[in-house]
Protein backbone atom coordinates (compact mmCIF):
# COMPACT_ATOMS: atom_id res chain seq x y z
CA MET A 1 21.89 -11.87 17.38
CA PRO A 2 19.13 -14.55 17.43
CA ARG A 3 16.09 -14.12 15.27
CA ASP A 4 12.85 -12.82 16.68
CA PRO A 5 10.93 -15.99 17.67
CA ARG A 6 7.79 -14.53 16.10
CA THR A 7 9.35 -14.48 12.65
CA ALA A 8 9.20 -17.03 9.90
CA ASP A 9 12.39 -17.51 7.92
CA VAL A 10 11.16 -18.65 4.54
CA ARG A 11 13.75 -20.55 2.56
CA LEU A 12 11.78 -23.19 0.66
CA SER A 13 12.81 -23.96 -2.88
CA ALA A 14 10.62 -22.64 -5.67
CA ARG A 15 9.76 -26.18 -6.76
CA LEU A 16 8.63 -27.36 -3.33
CA ARG A 17 6.57 -24.40 -2.14
CA PRO A 18 3.44 -24.96 -4.30
CA ALA A 19 3.19 -28.60 -3.21
CA LEU A 20 3.68 -27.70 0.43
CA ALA A 21 1.07 -24.94 0.19
CA VAL A 22 -1.49 -27.39 -1.18
CA GLY A 23 -0.62 -29.95 1.47
CA ALA A 24 -0.90 -27.39 4.26
CA ALA A 25 -4.27 -26.25 3.00
CA VAL A 26 -5.64 -29.77 3.25
CA VAL A 27 -4.06 -30.47 6.64
CA LEU A 28 -5.46 -27.28 8.11
CA GLY A 29 -8.92 -28.11 6.87
CA PHE A 30 -9.04 -25.49 4.10
CA PRO A 31 -9.18 -27.70 1.00
CA LEU A 32 -8.61 -26.02 -2.32
CA LEU A 33 -11.89 -27.27 -3.74
CA LEU A 34 -14.00 -24.65 -2.01
CA HIS A 35 -17.42 -23.78 -3.43
CA PRO A 36 -16.80 -23.68 -7.22
CA ALA A 37 -17.69 -20.21 -8.46
CA GLN A 38 -19.89 -21.59 -11.24
CA ALA A 39 -22.25 -23.03 -8.63
CA GLN A 40 -23.01 -19.57 -7.28
CA GLU A 41 -24.31 -17.60 -10.22
CA ARG A 42 -24.10 -14.10 -8.76
CA THR A 43 -21.26 -14.68 -6.32
CA VAL A 44 -17.68 -13.79 -7.19
CA THR A 45 -14.76 -15.34 -5.39
CA ILE A 46 -11.57 -13.29 -5.14
CA VAL A 47 -8.40 -15.06 -4.05
CA LEU A 48 -5.87 -12.76 -2.38
CA SER A 49 -2.23 -13.30 -1.49
CA GLU A 50 -2.73 -12.65 2.25
CA GLU A 51 -5.45 -12.31 4.84
CA PRO A 52 -6.21 -8.79 6.12
CA GLU A 53 -4.92 -8.09 9.60
CA LEU A 54 -8.05 -5.98 10.30
CA LEU A 55 -10.93 -4.35 8.41
CA ASP A 56 -11.11 -0.88 9.96
CA PRO A 57 -11.91 1.68 7.22
CA CYS A 58 -9.50 4.15 8.81
CA ASN A 59 -6.79 1.86 7.44
CA ALA A 60 -8.34 1.46 3.99
CA SER A 61 -5.24 3.02 2.44
CA ARG A 62 -3.40 -0.20 3.38
CA SER A 63 -3.72 -2.61 0.46
CA THR A 64 -4.68 -5.61 2.61
CA VAL A 65 -7.66 -3.63 3.97
CA GLY A 66 -8.48 -1.48 0.96
CA ARG A 67 -9.00 -4.42 -1.39
CA VAL A 68 -11.98 -5.49 0.73
CA VAL A 69 -13.25 -2.24 2.27
CA LYS A 70 -12.64 0.79 0.09
CA GLN A 71 -15.58 1.84 -2.13
CA ASN A 72 -17.17 -1.55 -1.39
CA ILE A 73 -18.16 -1.23 2.29
CA SER A 74 -17.00 2.33 3.00
CA GLU A 75 -16.92 5.22 0.56
CA THR A 76 -15.07 8.51 0.31
CA LEU A 77 -16.35 12.05 -0.15
CA THR A 78 -14.53 12.33 -3.46
CA GLU A 79 -12.96 9.81 -5.79
CA VAL A 80 -9.65 10.16 -7.61
CA ASP A 81 -9.58 8.75 -11.14
CA PRO A 82 -6.40 6.60 -11.33
CA LYS A 83 -6.11 7.20 -15.07
CA ASP A 84 -5.57 10.96 -14.90
CA GLY A 85 -5.77 12.04 -11.24
CA SER A 86 -9.01 13.97 -11.75
CA VAL A 87 -11.29 14.35 -8.72
CA THR A 88 -14.93 13.29 -9.09
CA PRO A 89 -17.93 13.23 -6.70
CA ARG A 90 -18.75 10.24 -4.52
CA LEU A 91 -20.48 10.95 -1.18
CA ALA A 92 -19.99 14.67 -1.79
CA SER A 93 -21.82 16.01 -4.83
CA SER A 94 -19.76 19.23 -5.01
CA TRP A 95 -17.21 21.33 -3.09
CA GLN A 96 -15.75 24.81 -2.99
CA ARG A 97 -12.86 26.59 -1.34
CA VAL A 98 -14.02 29.32 1.03
CA ASP A 99 -10.54 30.62 1.91
CA ASP A 100 -6.99 29.29 2.22
CA PHE A 101 -7.94 27.23 5.27
CA THR A 102 -11.59 26.33 4.66
CA TRP A 103 -13.44 24.04 2.24
CA ARG A 104 -17.15 23.22 2.06
CA PHE A 105 -18.55 19.95 0.72
CA LYS A 106 -22.20 19.37 -0.23
CA ILE A 107 -23.26 15.92 0.97
CA ARG A 108 -25.23 13.76 -1.45
CA PRO A 109 -28.85 13.51 -0.23
CA GLY A 110 -30.64 10.23 0.48
CA VAL A 111 -27.59 8.19 1.48
CA ARG A 112 -27.90 5.68 4.32
CA PHE A 113 -25.54 3.43 6.21
CA HIS A 114 -26.06 -0.31 6.01
CA ASP A 115 -27.91 -0.28 9.36
CA GLY A 116 -30.34 2.39 8.11
CA THR A 117 -28.70 5.39 9.83
CA PRO A 118 -28.79 8.47 7.57
CA PHE A 119 -25.46 9.68 6.22
CA ASP A 120 -25.23 13.45 6.63
CA ALA A 121 -22.68 16.17 7.35
CA LYS A 122 -22.63 15.37 11.06
CA ALA A 123 -21.94 11.68 10.38
CA ALA A 124 -19.13 12.63 8.00
CA ALA A 125 -17.58 14.94 10.60
CA ASP A 126 -17.72 12.21 13.26
CA SER A 127 -15.95 9.74 10.97
CA ILE A 128 -13.27 12.27 10.00
CA ASN A 129 -12.62 13.06 13.66
CA ARG A 130 -12.09 9.38 14.48
CA THR A 131 -9.70 8.83 11.57
CA MET A 132 -7.76 12.01 12.36
CA GLY A 133 -7.62 11.31 16.10
CA THR A 134 -4.49 9.88 17.66
CA THR A 135 -6.08 7.13 19.74
CA LEU A 136 -5.70 4.69 16.83
CA ASP A 137 -2.81 4.45 14.40
CA CYS A 138 -4.95 5.08 11.32
CA GLU A 139 -2.82 4.79 8.20
CA THR A 140 -5.07 7.14 6.23
CA ARG A 141 -4.19 9.91 8.68
CA THR A 142 -0.47 9.21 8.80
CA LYS A 143 -0.05 8.56 5.08
CA PHE A 144 -2.25 11.24 3.52
CA PHE A 145 -2.72 13.90 6.22
CA GLY A 146 0.65 13.92 7.97
CA GLY A 147 1.29 17.16 9.82
CA VAL A 148 -2.17 18.57 9.04
CA LYS A 149 -5.03 19.09 11.51
CA LEU A 150 -8.60 18.93 10.21
CA THR A 151 -11.54 20.49 12.00
CA PRO A 152 -14.82 19.32 10.41
CA ARG A 153 -18.26 20.62 11.34
CA ALA A 154 -21.79 20.31 10.02
CA VAL A 155 -22.97 23.72 8.78
CA ASP A 156 -26.35 22.14 8.10
CA THR A 157 -27.61 18.64 7.39
CA LEU A 158 -25.97 18.41 3.96
CA THR A 159 -23.13 20.95 4.22
CA LEU A 160 -19.80 19.85 5.67
CA GLU A 161 -17.14 22.44 6.41
CA ILE A 162 -13.53 21.37 6.91
CA LYS A 163 -10.98 23.78 8.30
CA THR A 164 -7.26 23.03 8.15
CA ASP A 165 -4.54 24.46 10.36
CA LYS A 166 -2.39 25.16 7.30
CA ALA A 167 -3.26 25.81 3.68
CA LEU A 168 -4.14 22.55 1.92
CA PRO A 169 -4.78 23.37 -1.74
CA ILE A 170 -5.45 19.73 -2.70
CA LEU A 171 -7.92 18.86 0.10
CA PRO A 172 -10.58 17.49 -2.34
CA THR A 173 -7.93 15.06 -3.57
CA ASN A 174 -7.01 14.17 0.01
CA MET A 175 -10.65 13.39 0.80
CA GLY A 176 -10.59 10.77 -1.95
CA THR A 177 -8.34 8.74 0.35
CA MET A 178 -10.48 8.78 3.51
CA ALA A 179 -13.15 6.07 3.80
CA LEU A 180 -16.12 7.12 5.95
CA TYR A 181 -18.10 4.89 8.29
CA LYS A 182 -20.92 4.78 10.81
CA PRO A 183 -21.02 7.50 13.51
CA LYS A 184 -19.95 6.57 17.03
CA THR A 185 -17.73 3.74 15.84
CA GLU A 186 -15.57 2.68 18.80
CA ARG A 187 -12.68 5.13 19.22
CA ASN A 188 -10.23 2.91 21.10
CA VAL A 189 -10.25 -0.36 19.17
CA TYR A 190 -10.03 -1.25 15.50
CA ASP A 191 -13.29 -2.20 13.80
CA ARG A 192 -13.52 -5.77 12.47
CA SER A 193 -17.11 -5.57 11.17
CA PRO A 194 -17.39 -2.14 9.51
CA ILE A 195 -20.66 -0.42 8.66
CA GLY A 196 -20.47 1.96 5.71
CA THR A 197 -22.56 3.41 2.90
CA GLY A 198 -21.10 1.42 0.01
CA PRO A 199 -22.75 -0.95 -2.45
CA TYR A 200 -21.76 -3.94 -0.27
CA ARG A 201 -22.31 -4.62 3.41
CA PHE A 202 -20.03 -6.67 5.63
CA THR A 203 -21.59 -10.06 6.42
CA ARG A 204 -18.94 -12.15 8.15
CA TRP A 205 -15.24 -12.83 8.55
CA THR A 206 -14.28 -16.40 9.38
CA VAL A 207 -10.70 -15.84 10.41
CA GLY A 208 -8.27 -17.97 8.43
CA GLN A 209 -10.92 -18.94 5.85
CA GLU A 210 -13.00 -16.23 4.19
CA ILE A 211 -14.63 -12.81 4.27
CA ILE A 212 -18.15 -12.38 2.88
CA LEU A 213 -19.75 -9.15 1.60
CA ASP A 214 -23.35 -9.01 0.36
CA ARG A 215 -24.94 -6.47 -1.93
CA PHE A 216 -26.67 -3.63 -0.09
CA ASP A 217 -30.02 -3.16 -1.78
CA GLY A 218 -30.52 0.23 -0.12
CA TYR A 219 -27.48 1.66 -1.89
CA TRP A 220 -27.88 5.21 -3.22
CA GLY A 221 -26.06 4.52 -6.50
CA ARG A 222 -26.50 2.11 -9.36
CA LYS A 223 -27.24 -1.49 -8.48
CA PRO A 224 -24.22 -3.68 -9.22
CA GLU A 225 -24.55 -7.12 -10.77
CA VAL A 226 -22.62 -9.07 -8.16
CA GLN A 227 -24.80 -10.16 -5.23
CA ARG A 228 -22.09 -11.61 -3.01
CA ALA A 229 -18.32 -11.18 -2.88
CA ARG A 230 -16.25 -13.86 -1.22
CA TYR A 231 -12.59 -13.25 -0.34
CA ILE A 232 -10.21 -16.11 0.32
CA TRP A 233 -6.40 -16.17 0.41
CA ARG A 234 -3.61 -18.47 -0.70
CA ILE A 235 0.08 -17.70 -0.27
CA GLU A 236 1.30 -19.30 -3.49
CA GLY A 237 0.80 -17.35 -6.71
CA SER A 238 0.69 -20.58 -8.73
CA VAL A 239 -2.17 -21.85 -6.54
CA ARG A 240 -4.10 -18.58 -6.94
CA ALA A 241 -3.65 -18.64 -10.70
CA ALA A 242 -4.74 -22.29 -10.92
CA MET A 243 -7.87 -21.64 -8.86
CA VAL A 244 -9.12 -19.17 -11.47
CA VAL A 245 -8.58 -21.71 -14.25
CA THR A 246 -10.49 -24.42 -12.39
CA GLY A 247 -13.34 -22.07 -11.43
CA GLU A 248 -12.64 -22.18 -7.70
CA ALA A 249 -12.08 -18.41 -7.89
CA ASP A 250 -13.09 -15.74 -10.37
CA ILE A 251 -10.31 -13.19 -9.88
CA SER A 252 -6.78 -13.31 -8.58
CA PRO A 253 -5.66 -9.66 -8.55
CA ASN A 254 -2.01 -10.47 -7.95
CA ILE A 255 -0.14 -13.33 -9.65
CA THR A 256 3.49 -13.72 -10.64
CA GLN A 257 4.84 -13.06 -14.11
CA GLN A 258 5.75 -16.77 -14.35
CA ASP A 259 2.12 -17.70 -13.75
CA ALA A 260 0.75 -15.14 -16.22
CA ASN A 261 0.80 -17.66 -19.07
CA ARG A 262 -2.83 -17.64 -20.18
CA PRO A 263 -3.31 -14.67 -22.55
CA GLU A 264 -7.07 -15.17 -22.62
CA LEU A 265 -7.27 -14.79 -18.83
CA ASP A 266 -4.32 -12.65 -17.78
CA PHE A 267 -3.86 -8.88 -17.67
CA SER A 268 -0.72 -6.83 -17.10
CA TYR A 269 -0.84 -3.20 -16.01
CA PRO A 270 1.34 -0.51 -14.38
CA ASN A 271 0.06 -0.62 -10.81
CA ALA A 272 1.36 2.69 -9.33
CA GLU A 273 3.54 0.73 -6.90
CA THR A 274 7.22 1.44 -6.36
CA THR A 275 9.37 -0.92 -4.34
CA ARG A 276 12.40 -0.03 -2.23
CA LEU A 277 14.54 -1.00 0.73
CA ARG A 278 14.30 1.53 3.56
CA LEU A 279 17.61 1.97 5.38
CA ASP A 280 17.55 2.82 9.07
CA VAL A 281 20.06 5.68 8.90
CA SER A 282 20.20 6.02 12.69
CA GLN A 283 21.85 2.64 13.29
CA PRO A 284 25.51 1.73 12.64
CA PRO A 285 26.81 0.88 10.10
CA LEU A 286 23.82 2.29 8.19
CA ASN A 287 24.40 5.69 9.79
CA ASP A 288 27.39 6.14 7.47
CA ARG A 289 26.46 7.49 4.02
CA ARG A 290 29.24 5.46 2.37
CA VAL A 291 27.64 2.22 3.54
CA ARG A 292 24.27 3.34 2.19
CA LEU A 293 25.89 4.28 -1.14
CA ALA A 294 27.61 0.89 -1.26
CA MET A 295 24.28 -0.87 -0.86
CA ASN A 296 22.91 1.04 -3.83
CA TYR A 297 25.92 0.26 -6.02
CA ALA A 298 25.71 -3.42 -5.01
CA VAL A 299 22.27 -3.93 -6.60
CA ASP A 300 22.22 -5.33 -10.13
CA ARG A 301 18.77 -4.29 -11.33
CA ASN A 302 19.30 -5.88 -14.74
CA ALA A 303 19.83 -9.26 -13.06
CA LEU A 304 16.66 -8.85 -11.00
CA LYS A 305 14.52 -7.71 -13.93
CA GLY A 306 12.93 -10.61 -15.76
CA THR A 307 13.89 -13.12 -13.06
CA VAL A 308 12.44 -12.50 -9.61
CA PHE A 309 10.83 -9.30 -10.86
CA SER A 310 8.75 -8.98 -14.02
CA LYS A 311 10.57 -8.24 -17.26
CA ASP A 312 8.28 -5.22 -17.59
CA VAL A 313 9.26 -3.42 -14.36
CA ILE A 314 10.96 -0.04 -14.73
CA PRO A 315 14.17 0.74 -12.78
CA ALA A 316 13.30 3.58 -10.39
CA SER A 317 15.23 6.45 -8.85
CA GLN A 318 12.63 7.72 -6.38
CA TYR A 319 9.55 6.53 -4.55
CA ILE A 320 6.90 7.82 -7.00
CA PHE A 321 6.01 7.18 -10.64
CA PRO A 322 7.31 9.66 -13.25
CA SER A 323 3.73 10.79 -13.93
CA ILE A 324 3.22 12.09 -10.36
CA ASN A 325 3.64 15.80 -9.66
CA GLY A 326 7.00 16.27 -7.93
CA HIS A 327 8.94 13.47 -9.61
CA ASN A 328 12.48 14.69 -10.32
CA PRO A 329 13.63 13.62 -13.81
CA ASP A 330 17.22 14.62 -13.05
CA ILE A 331 17.65 11.81 -10.51
CA LYS A 332 18.79 8.57 -12.15
CA PRO A 333 18.90 5.02 -10.79
CA PHE A 334 22.24 4.03 -9.29
CA PRO A 335 24.41 2.02 -11.69
CA TYR A 336 25.56 -1.46 -10.78
CA ASP A 337 29.16 -1.03 -9.63
CA PRO A 338 30.22 -3.68 -7.10
CA GLU A 339 33.85 -2.55 -7.17
CA LYS A 340 32.85 0.97 -6.15
CA ALA A 341 30.72 -0.55 -3.38
CA ARG A 342 33.73 -2.48 -2.06
CA GLN A 343 35.90 0.65 -2.17
CA LEU A 344 33.33 2.66 -0.20
CA LEU A 345 33.07 -0.07 2.44
CA ALA A 346 36.85 -0.31 2.73
CA GLU A 347 37.11 3.45 3.19
CA ALA A 348 34.42 3.42 5.86
CA ARG A 349 36.12 0.52 7.64
CA ARG A 350 39.43 2.38 7.75
CA ASP A 351 37.62 5.29 9.42
CA GLY A 352 36.32 3.06 12.17
CA VAL A 353 32.79 2.45 10.87
CA PRO A 354 31.63 -1.01 12.08
CA VAL A 355 31.07 -2.24 8.55
CA ASP A 356 31.23 -5.87 9.70
CA ASN A 357 28.21 -5.53 11.98
CA THR A 358 25.22 -7.60 10.93
CA ILE A 359 22.62 -5.76 8.84
CA TYR A 360 19.15 -7.23 9.29
CA LEU A 361 17.23 -7.58 6.03
CA THR A 362 13.56 -7.65 6.99
CA GLY A 363 11.06 -8.66 4.32
CA ARG A 364 7.32 -9.22 4.16
CA THR A 365 6.00 -12.42 2.66
CA ASN A 366 3.77 -11.73 -0.34
CA ILE A 367 4.22 -7.96 -0.31
CA TYR A 368 4.58 -8.62 -4.03
CA PRO A 369 4.99 -11.82 -6.07
CA GLU A 370 8.33 -13.57 -5.43
CA ALA A 371 9.02 -11.23 -2.51
CA THR A 372 11.10 -13.82 -0.67
CA GLU A 373 13.15 -14.66 -3.75
CA ALA A 374 13.76 -10.96 -4.35
CA MET A 375 15.11 -10.49 -0.84
CA GLN A 376 17.30 -13.59 -1.16
CA ALA A 377 18.76 -12.23 -4.39
CA LEU A 378 19.41 -8.83 -2.82
CA GLN A 379 21.03 -10.48 0.18
CA ALA A 380 23.42 -12.32 -2.14
CA MET A 381 24.33 -9.02 -3.84
CA PHE A 382 25.04 -7.29 -0.54
CA ASN A 383 27.08 -10.22 0.73
CA ALA A 384 29.08 -10.27 -2.52
CA VAL A 385 30.48 -6.77 -1.84
CA GLY A 386 31.47 -7.63 1.72
CA LEU A 387 28.46 -6.80 3.88
CA LYS A 388 27.26 -9.16 6.58
CA THR A 389 23.49 -9.63 6.41
CA GLU A 390 20.77 -11.77 7.95
CA LEU A 391 17.41 -12.21 6.21
CA THR A 392 14.09 -12.74 7.94
CA MET A 393 10.72 -12.82 6.19
CA LEU A 394 7.70 -11.76 8.27
CA GLU A 395 3.95 -11.98 8.01
CA VAL A 396 2.29 -8.58 7.67
CA SER A 397 1.20 -8.17 11.30
CA THR A 398 4.75 -8.64 12.61
CA TRP A 399 6.37 -6.74 9.72
CA LEU A 400 4.28 -3.68 10.61
CA LYS A 401 5.99 -3.50 14.00
CA TYR A 402 9.28 -2.83 12.23
CA ASN A 403 7.83 -0.70 9.46
CA ARG A 404 5.72 1.81 11.44
CA LYS A 405 6.23 3.92 14.53
CA PRO A 406 6.64 3.17 17.34
CA PHE A 407 9.30 0.84 15.94
CA ALA A 408 10.01 -2.46 17.62
CA THR A 409 12.81 -2.25 20.18
CA PRO A 410 15.67 -2.60 20.58
CA ARG A 411 16.48 -0.78 17.34
CA LYS A 412 18.83 -2.66 15.05
CA PRO A 413 20.42 -1.79 11.69
CA ILE A 414 17.33 -2.87 9.76
CA VAL A 415 16.81 -2.74 6.00
CA ILE A 416 13.10 -3.22 5.46
CA GLN A 417 11.35 -4.33 2.29
CA ASN A 418 8.75 -1.73 1.28
CA MET A 419 6.27 -1.08 -1.50
CA HIS A 420 4.23 2.09 -1.83
CA ASP A 421 1.50 3.15 -4.24
CA ASN A 422 0.74 6.71 -5.22
CA ASP A 423 -1.89 7.06 -7.90
CA LYS A 424 -3.30 10.31 -6.48
CA GLY A 425 -1.28 12.69 -8.66
CA ASP A 426 0.92 14.48 -6.11
CA ALA A 427 4.06 13.73 -4.10
CA ALA A 428 2.30 14.91 -0.93
CA PHE A 429 0.86 11.41 -0.56
CA THR A 430 4.37 9.99 -0.40
CA ALA A 431 6.51 12.65 1.25
CA TYR A 432 5.35 13.29 4.81
CA SER A 433 4.73 9.70 5.87
CA ASN A 434 8.00 8.39 4.46
CA TYR A 435 10.47 11.24 4.99
CA HIS A 436 9.35 13.85 7.52
CA SER A 437 10.82 13.39 11.00
CA LYS A 438 7.27 12.93 12.32
CA GLY A 439 6.19 10.65 9.47
CA ALA A 440 4.64 7.33 10.43
CA VAL A 441 7.18 5.19 8.57
CA SER A 442 10.09 7.64 8.45
CA VAL A 443 13.46 6.84 10.01
CA LEU A 444 14.81 10.27 9.06
CA SER A 445 15.32 13.37 11.19
CA ASP A 446 16.55 16.13 8.90
CA GLU A 447 15.55 19.76 9.46
CA ARG A 448 16.17 20.82 5.86
CA LEU A 449 14.06 17.94 4.58
CA ASP A 450 11.24 18.72 7.02
CA ALA A 451 11.23 22.35 5.88
CA LEU A 452 10.98 21.37 2.20
CA ILE A 453 8.06 19.04 2.91
CA GLU A 454 6.17 21.55 5.04
CA LYS A 455 6.60 24.34 2.48
CA ALA A 456 5.59 22.17 -0.46
CA GLN A 457 2.41 21.02 1.31
CA VAL A 458 0.97 24.55 1.41
CA THR A 459 2.24 25.69 -2.02
CA SER A 460 0.63 25.22 -5.43
CA GLY A 461 1.62 25.37 -9.08
CA PRO A 462 5.19 25.16 -10.44
CA GLU A 463 6.70 26.12 -7.07
CA ARG A 464 5.06 23.08 -5.45
CA ARG A 465 6.59 20.81 -8.09
CA ARG A 466 10.01 22.41 -7.67
CA LEU A 467 9.96 21.92 -3.89
CA TRP A 468 8.97 18.28 -4.18
CA GLN A 469 11.76 17.73 -6.68
CA GLN A 470 14.25 19.29 -4.26
CA MET A 471 12.94 16.99 -1.56
CA PHE A 472 13.58 13.86 -3.64
CA LYS A 473 17.06 15.10 -4.49
CA ARG A 474 17.74 15.54 -0.78
CA VAL A 475 16.46 12.04 0.05
CA ASN A 476 17.99 10.06 -2.79
CA GLU A 477 21.22 11.87 -3.67
CA GLU A 478 22.30 13.81 -0.61
CA ILE A 479 21.10 11.63 2.29
CA VAL A 480 20.80 8.34 0.35
CA ALA A 481 18.08 7.07 2.67
CA GLU A 482 16.90 4.09 0.64
CA VAL A 483 17.64 1.62 -2.11
CA ILE A 484 14.99 2.38 -4.72
CA LEU A 485 14.34 -0.65 -6.91
CA PHE A 486 11.51 -0.65 -9.47
CA HIS A 487 8.25 0.88 -10.60
CA MET A 488 6.16 -2.26 -10.59
CA VAL A 489 3.88 -3.98 -13.06
CA GLY A 490 1.00 -6.10 -11.85
CA TYR A 491 -0.50 -9.25 -13.29
CA SER A 492 -4.08 -10.32 -12.65
CA ARG A 493 -6.01 -13.37 -13.73
CA VAL A 494 -9.73 -13.01 -14.46
CA GLY A 495 -11.99 -16.03 -14.97
CA LYS A 496 -14.06 -16.70 -18.05
CA ARG A 497 -17.48 -16.03 -16.53
CA VAL A 498 -16.82 -12.46 -15.32
CA LYS A 499 -15.82 -9.14 -16.83
CA TYR A 500 -13.26 -7.09 -14.91
CA GLN A 501 -10.55 -4.76 -16.14
CA PRO A 502 -7.60 -4.40 -13.75
CA SER A 503 -6.26 -0.87 -13.40
CA ILE A 504 -3.46 1.08 -11.77
CA SER A 505 -5.40 0.82 -8.48
CA THR A 506 -6.04 -2.93 -8.52
CA ASN A 507 -3.26 -3.78 -6.08
CA SER A 508 -4.85 -1.62 -3.37
CA GLU A 509 -8.55 -1.47 -4.32
CA ILE A 510 -10.91 -3.94 -6.00
CA HIS A 511 -14.28 -2.32 -6.69
CA ILE A 512 -16.87 -5.10 -6.77
CA GLU A 513 -19.36 -2.78 -8.47
CA ASP A 514 -17.07 -2.82 -11.53
CA ILE A 515 -17.39 -6.60 -11.94
CA SER A 516 -20.08 -7.96 -14.23
CA PHE A 517 -20.99 -11.35 -15.68
CA LYS A 518 -20.64 -12.50 -19.27
């Protein structure tokens, strides 16, 4: 089957890519020597691995959007501390549970949007309704509120009531994921110039070059040191790392382990991300469990660790970190057993399973450092046990068409490269979106699994944990719906003139208010 003409098959050697990236930057008119950071005393330049596909706050849970928007332009009612999962006030000063289906939040007084419009309970309700509506495919809704209906209303100017159609015992935590924005924001199109309440206002987005945020002097909170934040993007991790050394950028939140060679500038941290390959279980030969098992046994995690992945990554058995409520410690990573993989494939072939059909490995460039090399290594492992695979690497906008519903058609036996962060303390923020039959990125349709997810969502305490653990057992041992790879470690480079401490959230959020100058 021919490749999608929109795709980019990336197969450049590791030695050539940096040089080509530099050359392309000059040819396209984006020279690397762009506005040295030292010349702009209160401006910070952040160099990202990819350009956002949009800036709508309703998609702030997506890392490409959240790094620019979340808690910078648009804020949340509550804020979840990534260190311990505790919930703290942000736009809401307090909250209380009225009954199993009702919560009330007190809105912080004196808050205004960047255009001067007051932020109150009515404005909050309007923003929630847009995010929770179905006109737009808002990732915050599908990822964190899957299967739940919210009905917000203003009780008075500073009292917001939110009713849910099913018990939601962790709603204050959920509200730490939803960025709020100006009332009456267009319902039918994604916003590219968001207006929020945060410490920084959107100034401009020159597509292909830069995004500029400026400090909002009418901000209700403390006044941050940084006056202007400038976001640029370079594909090559080595280029991003070098730009911080030369002063062309102040922070590169995501560099490769190979480039993290300056101890005085570089930080490593567990980043709450887990990476996997999602298997489309509806398409032959992936609809046979033996083929899915074979793919798991084919992966040599020890060979990947310390080469295309950091030496500090942790082999994973499920799609959340061990510290998250619902992680099942009884599930272990699959061992590397290529002979067993071959036996399973031979057995499936004898039973008429079309094992020799092409399986389409679909990756996303720069989803993490060395993403292309990782997929090439995995392809070699799958081919070594007798599978026939074809690898295509996509830019994020095209990759999303295969990753999220409605999936691109016609459906093929696709294995898609994924990475997911959950630093919010509960498996609910992973389960529905990824595994429920109605989940936004789920390829599964399993009644028993749906029932476990729905019951766990409305339960609390030890029973909630037990149900989530059963769910992961169902996904990873009984169905075998994915090839779970690693709990990831991030590397950031921070320039000499600024102070910034990367955290578990850095891959998905970069709070400019936390940056100061030396």
